Amino acid sequence: MTGSISKKEVEFISELEFNKKYFFTRKDIKKYFTSELEMGVYLHRMRKKGRIEKINRSKYYLIPIRALKGKWTEHAFIVVDEIFDGKNYVIGGKSAANYWHLIEQIPFTVEIFTFNRQGTRNILGIEFKFIRISKTKKMKTTVRKIGNHPFIIATKEESKQWI
């Protein structure tokens, strides 16, 4: 983490932390800024300082104040669910097989099957591999939870294909 935090940054960070809202959108902090341009400048500065990370086009992750030297991560499955706003994805591959205890190996990459993205991206120190699938491909899925946060994952039966 580099650089000090301005009064305005402290205001919206404090509110987000107090409400335990680590995933947030521009709409959540809009009241602190006079324009979209001003908000964009502050978000850019916060990213450079290592205080926030962009998750998708409209969502950010606030690195908690308690993070040691700005290093922090969230559970990969929660990050996936936040990237996709809770829909149109399935966690699969070795990540799903490991989740169901079909394999002991902990994968370095989280594989996500989706209709509209492909490629690899590193977010919060986690590597995500987006695999585009056809809308006609039917994958058996289930919704599970980590804490109170739901995520969509391939069923145990479906996950056996990756062992």
N, C-alpha and C. Protein backbone atom coordinates (compact mmCIF):
# COMPACT_ATOMS: atom_id res chain seq x y z
N MET A 1 0.85 -1.17 0.00
CA MET A 1 0.00 0.00 0.00
C MET A 1 0.89 1.23 0.00
N THR A 2 0.62 2.13 -0.90
CA THR A 2 1.45 3.33 -0.98
C THR A 2 0.58 4.56 -0.90
N GLY A 3 1.14 5.60 -0.33
CA GLY A 3 0.42 6.88 -0.28
C GLY A 3 -0.57 6.96 0.87
N SER A 4 -0.81 8.18 1.30
CA SER A 4 -1.77 8.40 2.38
C SER A 4 -3.18 8.47 1.80
N ILE A 5 -4.14 8.38 2.68
CA ILE A 5 -5.55 8.37 2.28
C ILE A 5 -6.15 9.73 2.62
N SER A 6 -6.85 10.32 1.63
CA SER A 6 -7.45 11.64 1.84
C SER A 6 -8.69 11.54 2.72
N LYS A 7 -9.16 12.69 3.17
CA LYS A 7 -10.35 12.75 4.03
C LYS A 7 -11.56 12.13 3.32
N LYS A 8 -11.74 12.46 2.05
CA LYS A 8 -12.88 11.94 1.29
C LYS A 8 -12.79 10.41 1.16
N GLU A 9 -11.57 9.91 0.92
CA GLU A 9 -11.36 8.47 0.82
C GLU A 9 -11.69 7.79 2.14
N VAL A 10 -11.25 8.39 3.24
CA VAL A 10 -11.53 7.84 4.57
C VAL A 10 -13.04 7.78 4.80
N GLU A 11 -13.78 8.80 4.37
CA GLU A 11 -15.24 8.84 4.58
C GLU A 11 -15.92 7.63 3.94
N PHE A 12 -15.67 7.40 2.64
CA PHE A 12 -16.40 6.30 2.02
C PHE A 12 -15.83 4.94 2.39
N ILE A 13 -14.52 4.86 2.65
CA ILE A 13 -13.95 3.58 3.12
C ILE A 13 -14.53 3.22 4.48
N SER A 14 -14.62 4.20 5.37
CA SER A 14 -15.16 3.96 6.72
C SER A 14 -16.57 3.43 6.66
N GLU A 15 -17.41 4.05 5.82
CA GLU A 15 -18.79 3.59 5.72
C GLU A 15 -18.86 2.17 5.17
N LEU A 16 -18.09 1.89 4.12
CA LEU A 16 -18.09 0.54 3.55
C LEU A 16 -17.62 -0.49 4.57
N GLU A 17 -16.53 -0.19 5.28
CA GLU A 17 -16.01 -1.12 6.29
C GLU A 17 -17.00 -1.30 7.43
N PHE A 18 -17.59 -0.20 7.90
CA PHE A 18 -18.54 -0.28 9.01
C PHE A 18 -19.72 -1.19 8.65
N ASN A 19 -20.19 -1.09 7.40
CA ASN A 19 -21.32 -1.90 6.94
C ASN A 19 -20.88 -3.26 6.39
N LYS A 20 -19.58 -3.56 6.50
CA LYS A 20 -19.01 -4.82 6.00
C LYS A 20 -19.38 -5.06 4.53
N LYS A 21 -19.33 -4.01 3.76
CA LYS A 21 -19.65 -4.05 2.33
C LYS A 21 -18.34 -3.95 1.55
N TYR A 22 -17.67 -5.09 1.42
CA TYR A 22 -16.36 -5.08 0.76
C TYR A 22 -16.49 -5.10 -0.75
N PHE A 23 -17.55 -5.69 -1.28
CA PHE A 23 -17.84 -5.60 -2.71
C PHE A 23 -18.80 -4.44 -2.87
N PHE A 24 -18.44 -3.47 -3.71
CA PHE A 24 -19.30 -2.29 -3.86
C PHE A 24 -19.29 -1.80 -5.29
N THR A 25 -20.30 -0.97 -5.60
CA THR A 25 -20.41 -0.37 -6.94
C THR A 25 -20.27 1.15 -6.80
N ARG A 26 -20.17 1.81 -7.94
CA ARG A 26 -20.11 3.27 -7.93
C ARG A 26 -21.36 3.86 -7.27
N LYS A 27 -22.49 3.21 -7.47
CA LYS A 27 -23.75 3.68 -6.90
C LYS A 27 -23.68 3.74 -5.36
N ASP A 28 -22.95 2.79 -4.77
CA ASP A 28 -22.83 2.73 -3.31
C ASP A 28 -22.08 3.92 -2.72
N ILE A 29 -21.18 4.54 -3.50
CA ILE A 29 -20.37 5.64 -2.97
C ILE A 29 -20.65 6.97 -3.65
N LYS A 30 -21.65 6.99 -4.50
CA LYS A 30 -21.98 8.17 -5.31
C LYS A 30 -22.19 9.44 -4.47
N LYS A 31 -22.79 9.29 -3.30
CA LYS A 31 -23.11 10.47 -2.48
C LYS A 31 -21.89 11.25 -2.00
N TYR A 32 -20.72 10.67 -2.07
CA TYR A 32 -19.50 11.34 -1.61
C TYR A 32 -18.86 12.22 -2.67
N PHE A 33 -19.38 12.18 -3.89
CA PHE A 33 -18.73 12.88 -5.00
C PHE A 33 -19.70 13.81 -5.71
N THR A 34 -19.16 14.86 -6.31
CA THR A 34 -20.01 15.84 -7.01
C THR A 34 -20.25 15.44 -8.47
N SER A 35 -19.42 14.52 -9.00
CA SER A 35 -19.60 14.10 -10.39
C SER A 35 -19.01 12.70 -10.61
N GLU A 36 -19.37 12.10 -11.74
CA GLU A 36 -18.82 10.79 -12.12
C GLU A 36 -17.32 10.91 -12.36
N LEU A 37 -16.89 12.03 -12.93
CA LEU A 37 -15.48 12.26 -13.21
C LEU A 37 -14.67 12.28 -11.91
N GLU A 38 -15.15 13.03 -10.93
CA GLU A 38 -14.47 13.10 -9.64
C GLU A 38 -14.39 11.70 -9.00
N MET A 39 -15.48 10.96 -9.06
CA MET A 39 -15.50 9.61 -8.50
C MET A 39 -14.47 8.73 -9.21
N GLY A 40 -14.40 8.85 -10.53
CA GLY A 40 -13.45 8.07 -11.30
C GLY A 40 -12.01 8.35 -10.91
N VAL A 41 -11.71 9.63 -10.65
CA VAL A 41 -10.37 10.02 -10.23
C VAL A 41 -10.04 9.37 -8.89
N TYR A 42 -10.96 9.45 -7.94
CA TYR A 42 -10.72 8.87 -6.62
C TYR A 42 -10.59 7.34 -6.69
N LEU A 43 -11.42 6.69 -7.49
CA LEU A 43 -11.32 5.24 -7.62
C LEU A 43 -9.98 4.84 -8.24
N HIS A 44 -9.54 5.62 -9.23
CA HIS A 44 -8.23 5.36 -9.85
C HIS A 44 -7.11 5.49 -8.81
N ARG A 45 -7.17 6.55 -8.02
CA ARG A 45 -6.15 6.76 -6.98
C ARG A 45 -6.15 5.61 -5.97
N MET A 46 -7.35 5.17 -5.58
CA MET A 46 -7.46 4.09 -4.59
C MET A 46 -6.91 2.78 -5.16
N ARG A 47 -7.11 2.56 -6.44
CA ARG A 47 -6.54 1.36 -7.07
C ARG A 47 -5.02 1.44 -7.08
N LYS A 48 -4.47 2.62 -7.40
CA LYS A 48 -3.01 2.80 -7.41
C LYS A 48 -2.42 2.62 -6.02
N LYS A 49 -3.16 3.02 -4.99
CA LYS A 49 -2.69 2.89 -3.60
C LYS A 49 -2.85 1.46 -3.08
N GLY A 50 -3.54 0.61 -3.84
CA GLY A 50 -3.74 -0.77 -3.40
C GLY A 50 -4.87 -0.93 -2.39
N ARG A 51 -5.78 0.03 -2.34
CA ARG A 51 -6.89 -0.02 -1.38
C ARG A 51 -8.15 -0.68 -1.96
N ILE A 52 -8.29 -0.65 -3.30
CA ILE A 52 -9.42 -1.31 -3.94
C ILE A 52 -8.92 -2.06 -5.16
N GLU A 53 -9.72 -3.03 -5.58
CA GLU A 53 -9.42 -3.76 -6.81
C GLU A 53 -10.70 -3.86 -7.63
N LYS A 54 -10.57 -3.66 -8.92
CA LYS A 54 -11.73 -3.73 -9.81
C LYS A 54 -12.05 -5.20 -10.07
N ILE A 55 -13.31 -5.57 -9.89
CA ILE A 55 -13.75 -6.96 -10.04
C ILE A 55 -14.39 -7.18 -11.41
N ASN A 56 -15.26 -6.27 -11.81
CA ASN A 56 -15.85 -6.29 -13.15
C ASN A 56 -16.10 -4.86 -13.58
N ARG A 57 -16.86 -4.65 -14.64
CA ARG A 57 -17.05 -3.29 -15.17
C ARG A 57 -17.61 -2.31 -14.15
N SER A 58 -18.44 -2.80 -13.25
CA SER A 58 -19.11 -1.88 -12.34
C SER A 58 -18.87 -2.17 -10.86
N LYS A 59 -18.08 -3.19 -10.54
CA LYS A 59 -17.92 -3.60 -9.15
C LYS A 59 -16.46 -3.57 -8.73
N TYR A 60 -16.27 -3.18 -7.47
CA TYR A 60 -14.94 -3.08 -6.88
C TYR A 60 -14.90 -3.87 -5.58
N TYR A 61 -13.68 -4.20 -5.15
CA TYR A 61 -13.48 -4.86 -3.86
C TYR A 61 -12.62 -3.96 -3.00
N LEU A 62 -13.08 -3.66 -1.80
CA LEU A 62 -12.35 -2.84 -0.84
C LEU A 62 -11.42 -3.74 -0.04
N ILE A 63 -10.12 -3.47 -0.11
CA ILE A 63 -9.16 -4.21 0.70
C ILE A 63 -9.33 -3.71 2.14
N PRO A 64 -9.67 -4.59 3.07
CA PRO A 64 -9.92 -4.14 4.45
C PRO A 64 -8.71 -3.45 5.07
N ILE A 65 -8.98 -2.52 5.98
CA ILE A 65 -7.92 -1.80 6.68
C ILE A 65 -7.03 -2.79 7.42
N ARG A 66 -7.60 -3.86 7.93
CA ARG A 66 -6.84 -4.84 8.72
C ARG A 66 -5.91 -5.70 7.85
N ALA A 67 -5.94 -5.51 6.54
CA ALA A 67 -5.08 -6.28 5.63
C ALA A 67 -3.62 -5.95 5.90
N LEU A 68 -2.80 -6.97 6.04
CA LEU A 68 -1.38 -6.79 6.30
C LEU A 68 -0.67 -6.31 5.05
N LYS A 69 -0.13 -5.10 5.08
CA LYS A 69 0.60 -4.50 3.96
C LYS A 69 -0.21 -4.53 2.66
N GLY A 70 -1.52 -4.36 2.76
CA GLY A 70 -2.37 -4.31 1.57
C GLY A 70 -2.62 -5.65 0.92
N LYS A 71 -2.14 -6.73 1.53
CA LYS A 71 -2.34 -8.07 0.96
C LYS A 71 -3.59 -8.68 1.59
N TRP A 72 -4.51 -9.06 0.75
CA TRP A 72 -5.77 -9.60 1.24
C TRP A 72 -6.42 -10.39 0.13
N THR A 73 -7.16 -11.40 0.49
CA THR A 73 -7.92 -12.12 -0.51
C THR A 73 -9.25 -12.56 0.08
N GLU A 74 -10.17 -12.79 -0.79
CA GLU A 74 -11.50 -13.28 -0.44
C GLU A 74 -11.57 -14.70 -0.98
N HIS A 75 -12.49 -15.51 -0.48
CA HIS A 75 -12.63 -16.87 -1.02
C HIS A 75 -12.93 -16.78 -2.52
N ALA A 76 -12.23 -17.58 -3.29
CA ALA A 76 -12.33 -17.53 -4.76
C ALA A 76 -13.77 -17.70 -5.25
N PHE A 77 -14.55 -18.57 -4.63
CA PHE A 77 -15.92 -18.81 -5.10
C PHE A 77 -16.81 -17.60 -4.86
N ILE A 78 -16.55 -16.86 -3.80
CA ILE A 78 -17.32 -15.62 -3.54
C ILE A 78 -16.95 -14.57 -4.59
N VAL A 79 -15.67 -14.48 -4.92
CA VAL A 79 -15.23 -13.52 -5.95
C VAL A 79 -15.91 -13.84 -7.27
N VAL A 80 -15.96 -15.13 -7.64
CA VAL A 80 -16.61 -15.54 -8.89
C VAL A 80 -18.07 -15.10 -8.89
N ASP A 81 -18.77 -15.37 -7.80
CA ASP A 81 -20.18 -15.00 -7.73
C ASP A 81 -20.37 -13.49 -7.86
N GLU A 82 -19.48 -12.72 -7.28
CA GLU A 82 -19.56 -11.26 -7.38
C GLU A 82 -19.23 -10.78 -8.80
N ILE A 83 -18.28 -11.41 -9.45
CA ILE A 83 -17.94 -11.04 -10.83
C ILE A 83 -19.17 -11.15 -11.72
N PHE A 84 -19.93 -12.24 -11.54
CA PHE A 84 -21.07 -12.52 -12.39
C PHE A 84 -22.40 -12.09 -11.79
N ASP A 85 -22.37 -11.36 -10.70
CA ASP A 85 -23.60 -10.88 -10.04
C ASP A 85 -24.58 -12.02 -9.76
N GLY A 86 -24.04 -13.20 -9.43
CA GLY A 86 -24.87 -14.31 -9.00
C GLY A 86 -25.57 -15.10 -10.09
N LYS A 87 -25.19 -14.91 -11.37
CA LYS A 87 -25.90 -15.65 -12.43
C LYS A 87 -25.01 -15.89 -13.64
N ASN A 88 -25.43 -16.84 -14.46
CA ASN A 88 -24.79 -17.15 -15.75
C ASN A 88 -23.34 -17.63 -15.64
N TYR A 89 -23.05 -18.44 -14.64
CA TYR A 89 -21.73 -19.05 -14.52
C TYR A 89 -21.86 -20.37 -13.77
N VAL A 90 -20.84 -21.21 -13.89
CA VAL A 90 -20.75 -22.45 -13.11
C VAL A 90 -19.28 -22.66 -12.77
N ILE A 91 -18.99 -22.87 -11.50
CA ILE A 91 -17.64 -23.23 -11.11
C ILE A 91 -17.48 -24.72 -11.41
N GLY A 92 -16.44 -25.05 -12.18
CA GLY A 92 -16.25 -26.44 -12.58
C GLY A 92 -14.79 -26.81 -12.58
N GLY A 93 -14.45 -27.81 -13.35
CA GLY A 93 -13.08 -28.26 -13.47
C GLY A 93 -12.55 -28.83 -12.17
N LYS A 94 -11.24 -28.71 -12.00
CA LYS A 94 -10.59 -29.25 -10.80
C LYS A 94 -11.03 -28.52 -9.54
N SER A 95 -11.46 -27.26 -9.67
CA SER A 95 -11.96 -26.52 -8.50
C SER A 95 -13.19 -27.19 -7.92
N ALA A 96 -14.11 -27.59 -8.80
CA ALA A 96 -15.32 -28.28 -8.36
C ALA A 96 -14.98 -29.67 -7.82
N ALA A 97 -14.09 -30.37 -8.51
CA ALA A 97 -13.68 -31.71 -8.06
C ALA A 97 -13.04 -31.62 -6.67
N ASN A 98 -12.22 -30.61 -6.44
CA ASN A 98 -11.62 -30.43 -5.12
C ASN A 98 -12.67 -30.08 -4.08
N TYR A 99 -13.63 -29.23 -4.43
CA TYR A 99 -14.69 -28.84 -3.50
C TYR A 99 -15.47 -30.06 -3.01
N TRP A 100 -15.74 -31.01 -3.92
CA TRP A 100 -16.50 -32.21 -3.57
C TRP A 100 -15.60 -33.32 -3.01
N HIS A 101 -14.33 -33.02 -2.77
CA HIS A 101 -13.35 -33.97 -2.22
C HIS A 101 -13.14 -35.17 -3.13
N LEU A 102 -13.25 -34.96 -4.44
CA LEU A 102 -12.98 -36.02 -5.41
C LEU A 102 -11.49 -36.10 -5.70
N ILE A 103 -10.80 -34.97 -5.51
CA ILE A 103 -9.35 -34.94 -5.63
C ILE A 103 -8.79 -34.17 -4.43
N GLU A 104 -7.57 -34.48 -4.05
CA GLU A 104 -6.95 -33.78 -2.93
C GLU A 104 -6.14 -32.57 -3.38
N GLN A 105 -5.74 -32.59 -4.64
CA GLN A 105 -4.94 -31.49 -5.19
C GLN A 105 -5.73 -30.19 -5.16
N ILE A 106 -5.12 -29.14 -4.63
CA ILE A 106 -5.76 -27.82 -4.63
C ILE A 106 -5.32 -27.12 -5.90
N PRO A 107 -6.26 -26.84 -6.80
CA PRO A 107 -5.88 -26.22 -8.08
C PRO A 107 -5.40 -24.79 -7.92
N PHE A 108 -4.46 -24.39 -8.78
CA PHE A 108 -3.95 -23.02 -8.77
C PHE A 108 -4.91 -22.07 -9.49
N THR A 109 -5.75 -22.63 -10.36
CA THR A 109 -6.65 -21.83 -11.17
C THR A 109 -8.09 -22.24 -10.91
N VAL A 110 -8.98 -21.27 -10.79
CA VAL A 110 -10.42 -21.55 -10.64
C VAL A 110 -11.03 -21.50 -12.03
N GLU A 111 -11.64 -22.62 -12.45
CA GLU A 111 -12.25 -22.68 -13.77
C GLU A 111 -13.73 -22.33 -13.67
N ILE A 112 -14.13 -21.38 -14.51
CA ILE A 112 -15.52 -20.91 -14.52
C ILE A 112 -16.07 -21.09 -15.92
N PHE A 113 -17.19 -21.79 -16.02
CA PHE A 113 -17.86 -21.98 -17.31
C PHE A 113 -18.94 -20.93 -17.43
N THR A 114 -18.95 -20.22 -18.56
CA THR A 114 -19.88 -19.12 -18.76
C THR A 114 -20.20 -18.98 -20.24
N PHE A 115 -21.24 -18.24 -20.54
CA PHE A 115 -21.68 -18.06 -21.92
C PHE A 115 -20.96 -16.92 -22.64
N ASN A 116 -20.40 -15.96 -21.90
CA ASN A 116 -19.96 -14.74 -22.57
C ASN A 116 -18.52 -14.29 -22.28
N ARG A 117 -17.72 -15.08 -21.60
CA ARG A 117 -16.35 -14.65 -21.34
C ARG A 117 -15.40 -15.79 -21.61
N GLN A 118 -14.18 -15.42 -21.93
CA GLN A 118 -13.14 -16.44 -22.04
C GLN A 118 -11.81 -15.78 -21.73
N GLY A 119 -10.85 -16.60 -21.40
CA GLY A 119 -9.52 -16.09 -21.08
C GLY A 119 -9.20 -16.25 -19.61
N THR A 120 -8.07 -15.72 -19.22
CA THR A 120 -7.59 -15.84 -17.85
C THR A 120 -7.40 -14.45 -17.27
N ARG A 121 -7.75 -14.32 -15.99
CA ARG A 121 -7.61 -13.03 -15.32
C ARG A 121 -7.20 -13.27 -13.87
N ASN A 122 -6.32 -12.43 -13.36
CA ASN A 122 -5.88 -12.52 -11.98
C ASN A 122 -6.57 -11.41 -11.19
N ILE A 123 -7.33 -11.80 -10.16
CA ILE A 123 -8.04 -10.85 -9.31
C ILE A 123 -7.76 -11.22 -7.86
N LEU A 124 -7.32 -10.26 -7.07
CA LEU A 124 -7.00 -10.48 -5.66
C LEU A 124 -6.01 -11.62 -5.46
N GLY A 125 -5.10 -11.77 -6.41
CA GLY A 125 -4.09 -12.81 -6.30
C GLY A 125 -4.58 -14.21 -6.65
N ILE A 126 -5.79 -14.31 -7.19
CA ILE A 126 -6.36 -15.60 -7.58
C ILE A 126 -6.46 -15.63 -9.10
N GLU A 127 -6.05 -16.74 -9.71
CA GLU A 127 -6.15 -16.85 -11.16
C GLU A 127 -7.48 -17.50 -11.52
N PHE A 128 -8.23 -16.81 -12.37
CA PHE A 128 -9.52 -17.30 -12.85
C PHE A 128 -9.42 -17.60 -14.33
N LYS A 129 -9.90 -18.77 -14.72
CA LYS A 129 -9.92 -19.13 -16.14
C LYS A 129 -11.38 -19.20 -16.57
N PHE A 130 -11.76 -18.31 -17.47
CA PHE A 130 -13.12 -18.26 -17.98
C PHE A 130 -13.19 -19.11 -19.24
N ILE A 131 -14.09 -20.09 -19.25
CA ILE A 131 -14.24 -21.00 -20.37
C ILE A 131 -15.63 -20.79 -20.94
N ARG A 132 -15.67 -20.36 -22.20
CA ARG A 132 -16.96 -20.10 -22.85
C ARG A 132 -17.60 -21.42 -23.25
N ILE A 133 -18.88 -21.56 -22.91
CA ILE A 133 -19.63 -22.75 -23.31
C ILE A 133 -20.87 -22.32 -24.07
N SER A 134 -21.41 -23.22 -24.84
CA SER A 134 -22.61 -22.96 -25.62
C SER A 134 -23.82 -22.88 -24.69
N LYS A 135 -24.78 -22.05 -25.04
CA LYS A 135 -26.00 -21.94 -24.24
C LYS A 135 -26.82 -23.22 -24.27
N THR A 136 -26.54 -24.08 -25.25
CA THR A 136 -27.27 -25.34 -25.33
C THR A 136 -26.66 -26.41 -24.43
N LYS A 137 -25.43 -26.19 -23.97
CA LYS A 137 -24.78 -27.17 -23.08
C LYS A 137 -25.43 -27.08 -21.71
N LYS A 138 -25.94 -28.18 -21.29
CA LYS A 138 -26.59 -28.23 -19.98
C LYS A 138 -25.65 -28.91 -18.98
N MET A 139 -25.29 -28.19 -17.96
CA MET A 139 -24.43 -28.71 -16.92
C MET A 139 -25.26 -28.79 -15.64
N LYS A 140 -25.17 -29.90 -14.96
CA LYS A 140 -25.91 -30.05 -13.70
C LYS A 140 -25.21 -29.22 -12.64
N THR A 141 -25.97 -28.34 -12.01
CA THR A 141 -25.39 -27.43 -11.02
C THR A 141 -26.16 -27.47 -9.71
N THR A 142 -25.55 -26.91 -8.71
CA THR A 142 -26.19 -26.74 -7.41
C THR A 142 -25.71 -25.43 -6.81
N VAL A 143 -26.50 -24.89 -5.92
CA VAL A 143 -26.12 -23.66 -5.23
C VAL A 143 -25.68 -24.05 -3.82
N ARG A 144 -24.48 -23.65 -3.46
CA ARG A 144 -23.93 -23.90 -2.14
C ARG A 144 -23.61 -22.55 -1.51
N LYS A 145 -23.20 -22.56 -0.25
CA LYS A 145 -22.89 -21.30 0.44
C LYS A 145 -21.55 -21.38 1.16
N ILE A 146 -20.87 -20.25 1.19
CA ILE A 146 -19.71 -20.05 2.05
C ILE A 146 -20.14 -18.92 2.97
N GLY A 147 -20.30 -19.23 4.24
CA GLY A 147 -20.90 -18.25 5.16
C GLY A 147 -22.33 -18.02 4.70
N ASN A 148 -22.68 -16.78 4.44
CA ASN A 148 -24.01 -16.46 3.93
C ASN A 148 -24.01 -16.18 2.44
N HIS A 149 -22.86 -16.40 1.79
CA HIS A 149 -22.74 -16.04 0.38
C HIS A 149 -22.93 -17.27 -0.52
N PRO A 150 -23.96 -17.26 -1.38
CA PRO A 150 -24.18 -18.40 -2.29
C PRO A 150 -23.25 -18.35 -3.51
N PHE A 151 -23.02 -19.51 -4.09
CA PHE A 151 -22.27 -19.62 -5.35
C PHE A 151 -22.80 -20.83 -6.11
N ILE A 152 -22.58 -20.85 -7.42
CA ILE A 152 -23.08 -21.92 -8.29
C ILE A 152 -21.90 -22.81 -8.67
N ILE A 153 -22.07 -24.10 -8.43
CA ILE A 153 -20.99 -25.06 -8.71
C ILE A 153 -21.57 -26.29 -9.38
N ALA A 154 -20.75 -26.96 -10.19
CA ALA A 154 -21.17 -28.21 -10.81
C ALA A 154 -21.46 -29.23 -9.70
N THR A 155 -22.45 -30.09 -9.91
CA THR A 155 -22.80 -31.10 -8.91
C THR A 155 -21.64 -32.08 -8.74
N LYS A 156 -21.71 -32.87 -7.69
CA LYS A 156 -20.67 -33.86 -7.44
C LYS A 156 -20.59 -34.85 -8.59
N GLU A 157 -21.74 -35.28 -9.09
CA GLU A 157 -21.76 -36.22 -10.22
C GLU A 157 -21.12 -35.60 -11.46
N GLU A 158 -21.49 -34.36 -11.75
CA GLU A 158 -20.95 -33.65 -12.91
C GLU A 158 -19.43 -33.45 -12.77
N SER A 159 -18.97 -33.25 -11.55
CA SER A 159 -17.56 -32.97 -11.28
C SER A 159 -16.67 -34.20 -11.46
N LYS A 160 -17.24 -35.36 -11.49
CA LYS A 160 -16.44 -36.59 -11.65
C LYS A 160 -15.73 -36.64 -12.99
N GLN A 161 -16.21 -35.91 -13.97
CA GLN A 161 -15.55 -35.90 -15.28
C GLN A 161 -14.18 -35.22 -15.24
N TRP A 162 -13.88 -34.46 -14.19
CA TRP A 162 -12.61 -33.75 -14.12
C TRP A 162 -11.57 -34.45 -13.26
N ILE A 163 -11.86 -35.69 -12.82
CA ILE A 163 -10.85 -36.40 -12.00
C ILE A 163 -10.04 -37.34 -12.85
